[in-house]
Protein backbone atom coordinates (compact mmCIF):
# COMPACT_ATOMS: atom_id res chain seq x y z
CA MET A 1 112.88 92.15 146.55
CA LYS A 2 112.44 88.55 146.32
CA ILE A 3 111.15 86.82 142.91
CA TYR A 4 108.44 84.03 144.54
CA THR A 5 105.79 84.79 147.07
CA LYS A 6 104.25 81.31 147.19
CA THR A 7 100.65 83.42 146.68
CA GLY A 8 99.81 81.52 144.21
CA ASP A 9 100.75 78.51 144.65
CA LYS A 10 96.87 77.25 145.00
CA GLY A 11 95.99 78.57 141.03
CA MET A 12 95.10 82.15 142.09
CA THR A 13 96.86 85.36 141.03
CA GLY A 14 96.22 89.24 142.31
CA LEU A 15 94.97 91.61 139.52
CA TYR A 16 96.09 95.56 139.83
CA GLY A 17 93.58 96.37 142.75
CA GLY A 18 94.22 93.66 144.52
CA SER A 19 91.45 91.37 143.55
CA ARG A 20 91.99 88.11 142.95
CA VAL A 21 91.21 85.50 140.04
CA ALA A 22 92.33 82.35 138.71
CA LYS A 23 95.16 82.00 136.82
CA ASP A 24 93.80 80.45 133.62
CA SER A 25 91.09 83.46 133.62
CA PRO A 26 90.24 85.56 130.39
CA ARG A 27 92.04 88.63 131.99
CA ILE A 28 95.03 86.38 132.73
CA ALA A 29 95.02 84.88 129.42
CA ALA A 30 94.74 87.98 127.61
CA TYR A 31 97.88 89.56 129.04
CA GLY A 32 99.77 86.31 129.26
CA ASP A 33 99.46 86.37 125.61
CA ILE A 34 100.88 90.06 125.63
CA ASP A 35 103.61 88.63 127.82
CA GLU A 36 104.47 86.19 125.44
CA LEU A 37 104.92 88.69 122.67
CA ASN A 38 106.43 90.68 124.59
CA ALA A 39 109.37 87.86 125.29
CA SER A 40 109.27 86.94 121.75
CA LEU A 41 109.63 90.68 120.41
CA GLY A 42 113.46 90.05 122.93
CA VAL A 43 114.45 86.80 120.71
CA ALA A 44 114.17 89.17 117.45
CA ALA A 45 115.71 91.89 118.97
CA ALA A 46 118.92 89.60 120.04
CA LEU A 47 119.36 88.57 116.58
CA THR A 48 119.00 91.04 114.66
CA PRO A 49 122.53 93.02 113.53
CA HIS A 50 120.56 95.96 112.50
CA GLU A 51 119.68 99.32 115.17
CA PRO A 52 116.87 100.51 113.36
CA ILE A 53 114.83 96.99 114.08
CA ARG A 54 116.33 97.04 117.71
CA LYS A 55 115.07 100.47 118.25
CA ALA A 56 111.56 99.95 116.70
CA ILE A 57 111.34 96.37 118.73
CA ALA A 58 112.13 97.92 122.17
CA GLU A 59 109.95 101.07 121.55
CA VAL A 60 106.93 97.71 120.93
CA GLN A 61 108.34 96.67 124.01
CA THR A 62 108.01 99.54 126.11
CA ILE A 63 104.27 99.91 124.87
CA LEU A 64 103.54 96.26 125.53
CA PHE A 65 104.09 96.92 129.16
CA THR A 66 102.19 99.55 129.54
CA LEU A 67 99.15 97.81 127.62
CA GLY A 68 100.15 94.54 129.70
CA ALA A 69 99.61 96.53 132.96
CA GLN A 70 95.90 97.97 131.65
CA LEU A 71 94.78 94.97 131.15
CA ALA A 72 96.37 93.85 134.78
CA SER A 73 93.93 96.67 136.00
CA PRO A 74 89.98 95.93 135.41
CA LYS A 75 89.27 98.97 136.45
CA THR A 76 90.25 102.48 135.26
CA ASP A 77 93.30 103.75 137.38
CA PRO A 78 94.48 107.27 136.96
CA LYS A 79 98.12 105.93 137.82
CA ILE A 80 98.17 103.66 135.18
CA GLU A 81 99.25 104.50 131.67
CA ARG A 82 97.08 104.11 128.79
CA ILE A 83 97.43 103.29 124.96
CA THR A 84 95.73 106.23 123.20
CA ALA A 85 95.49 107.57 119.57
CA LYS A 86 99.22 108.34 119.54
CA GLN A 87 100.66 104.85 120.05
CA VAL A 88 97.95 104.13 117.06
CA ASP A 89 99.19 107.05 114.86
CA GLY A 90 102.60 105.93 115.74
CA LEU A 91 102.17 102.69 114.36
CA GLU A 92 100.76 103.43 111.06
CA ARG A 93 103.73 106.19 110.03
CA GLN A 94 105.83 103.85 110.88
CA ILE A 95 104.18 101.43 108.50
CA ASP A 96 103.72 103.94 105.82
CA VAL A 97 108.07 104.80 105.55
CA ILE A 98 108.85 101.63 106.06
CA THR A 99 106.34 100.36 103.41
CA GLU A 100 107.85 103.20 101.14
CA ALA A 101 111.25 101.50 101.48
CA LEU A 102 109.93 97.88 100.32
CA SER A 103 110.01 96.39 97.14
CA PRO A 104 106.30 96.10 96.24
CA MET A 105 104.67 92.79 97.05
CA ARG A 106 103.37 90.73 94.17
CA ASN A 107 102.63 87.62 95.97
CA PHE A 108 101.58 86.20 99.23
CA ILE A 109 105.10 85.56 101.16
CA LEU A 110 105.66 82.88 103.19
CA PRO A 111 107.40 83.48 106.83
CA GLY A 112 111.13 83.11 107.03
CA GLY A 113 114.11 84.32 105.17
CA SER A 114 116.12 85.83 107.88
CA GLN A 115 116.56 84.51 111.23
CA THR A 116 115.22 88.24 112.87
CA SER A 117 112.43 88.32 110.07
CA GLY A 118 111.27 84.67 111.04
CA PHE A 119 111.00 85.54 114.63
CA LEU A 120 109.06 88.68 113.76
CA HIS A 121 106.84 86.55 111.69
CA LEU A 122 106.03 84.31 114.81
CA SER A 123 105.88 87.32 116.95
CA ARG A 124 103.20 88.52 114.38
CA THR A 125 101.24 85.16 114.69
CA ILE A 126 101.49 85.50 118.37
CA CYS A 127 99.84 89.14 118.06
CA ARG A 128 97.03 87.74 116.77
CA ARG A 129 96.32 85.70 119.30
CA ALA A 130 96.31 88.03 122.19
CA GLU A 131 93.97 90.00 120.12
CA ARG A 132 91.61 87.01 119.93
CA SER A 133 91.99 86.79 123.52
CA ILE A 134 91.18 89.96 124.15
CA ILE A 135 88.32 90.10 122.12
CA THR A 136 87.35 86.90 123.50
CA LEU A 137 87.76 89.11 127.79
CA SER A 138 85.67 92.11 125.71
CA SER A 139 82.59 89.75 125.22
CA LEU A 140 82.73 88.86 128.25
CA PRO A 141 80.23 90.20 131.19
CA GLY A 142 81.50 92.71 133.18
CA GLU A 143 84.79 92.65 131.57
CA ALA A 144 85.73 96.12 129.73
CA VAL A 145 88.51 96.55 127.55
CA ASP A 146 89.67 99.93 126.00
CA GLU A 147 89.41 100.18 122.91
CA TRP A 148 92.57 101.98 121.91
CA VAL A 149 94.03 98.27 123.31
CA LEU A 150 92.13 96.09 120.49
CA ILE A 151 93.17 99.18 117.63
CA TYR A 152 96.76 99.38 118.90
CA ILE A 153 97.26 95.07 118.72
CA ASN A 154 95.34 95.12 115.78
CA ARG A 155 97.69 97.56 113.83
CA LEU A 156 100.79 95.95 115.81
CA SER A 157 100.75 93.15 113.63
CA ASP A 158 100.66 94.82 110.50
CA PHE A 159 103.67 96.59 111.86
CA LEU A 160 105.43 93.54 112.55
CA PHE A 161 104.58 91.97 108.97
CA THR A 162 106.40 94.67 107.76
CA LEU A 163 109.31 94.53 110.14
CA ALA A 164 110.20 91.19 109.00
CA ARG A 165 109.91 91.97 105.30
CA LEU A 166 112.27 95.35 106.45
CA ALA A 167 114.51 92.65 108.33
CA ASN A 168 115.30 90.38 105.13
CA GLN A 169 115.64 93.48 102.87
CA LEU A 170 118.64 94.66 105.64
CA GLU A 171 120.19 91.39 105.33
CA LYS A 172 119.41 91.26 101.52
CA ILE A 173 117.35 88.07 101.37
CA ASP A 174 114.39 87.73 99.33
CA ASP A 175 111.13 87.32 100.78
CA ILE A 176 109.72 83.90 100.12
CA PRO A 177 106.73 83.92 97.59
CA TRP A 178 103.85 81.62 97.87
CA LEU A 179 103.30 79.97 94.60
CA PRO A 180 100.63 77.60 95.05
CA GLU A 181 100.50 74.00 93.74
CA LYS A 182 98.82 73.65 89.91
CA LYS A 183 98.53 69.87 90.92
CA PRO A 184 96.23 68.64 93.07
CA PRO A 185 97.43 68.27 97.00
CA LEU A 186 99.57 64.97 97.78
CA SER A 187 99.87 64.29 94.08
CA ARG A 188 103.24 63.16 94.70
CA PRO A 189 104.94 61.97 98.00
CA LEU A 190 106.08 64.44 99.75
CA VAL A 191 109.16 62.61 101.02
CA ASN A 192 111.30 60.50 99.00
CA LEU A 193 110.82 57.08 100.35
CA SER A 194 113.46 55.17 98.68
CA LEU A 195 115.92 57.30 101.03
CA ILE A 196 113.83 56.10 104.16
CA ARG A 197 115.12 52.89 105.88
CA ARG A 198 112.93 49.66 106.25
CA ARG A 199 112.75 48.25 109.62
């Protein structure tokens, strides 16, 4: 099986079922964002030294392939596995279990801490972008998106937030609290200007 087919050289690609659309169409954009999300999760999995997090990410990655295939199939096809309440319930159970093991949140937190946590937060933001792309697709005439796809992707961003906090806790790194500035914005220089050479 060749990696390249040359069939997309003019900016068109095929959906499951045979129809062809432009590569920048809303449906392609939607499952392209899911693909990007999956790739970013692969980086997080490669970085983490903790098997429970790797296992959780691998499970999500598998489900995202199913979700991407569902988005690539505009018409319902019994051959394609579908996202259901089962996958959503699984995420919610994991969120609840992990949250019980975490220290209570007393502030909003900034993305970061450990490398794993940072990439999980990045994945969370890509997940939110994917959600927006799917919502855009679902709002177009003649473009149907199953409700469980939207519910799953909405819940997934919450799960990734929770998993990012767990990554920090496992690596004994505190979450970074957001502490709003009490002074007016730009009331002091953000950079020590004396360190900048004059040209």
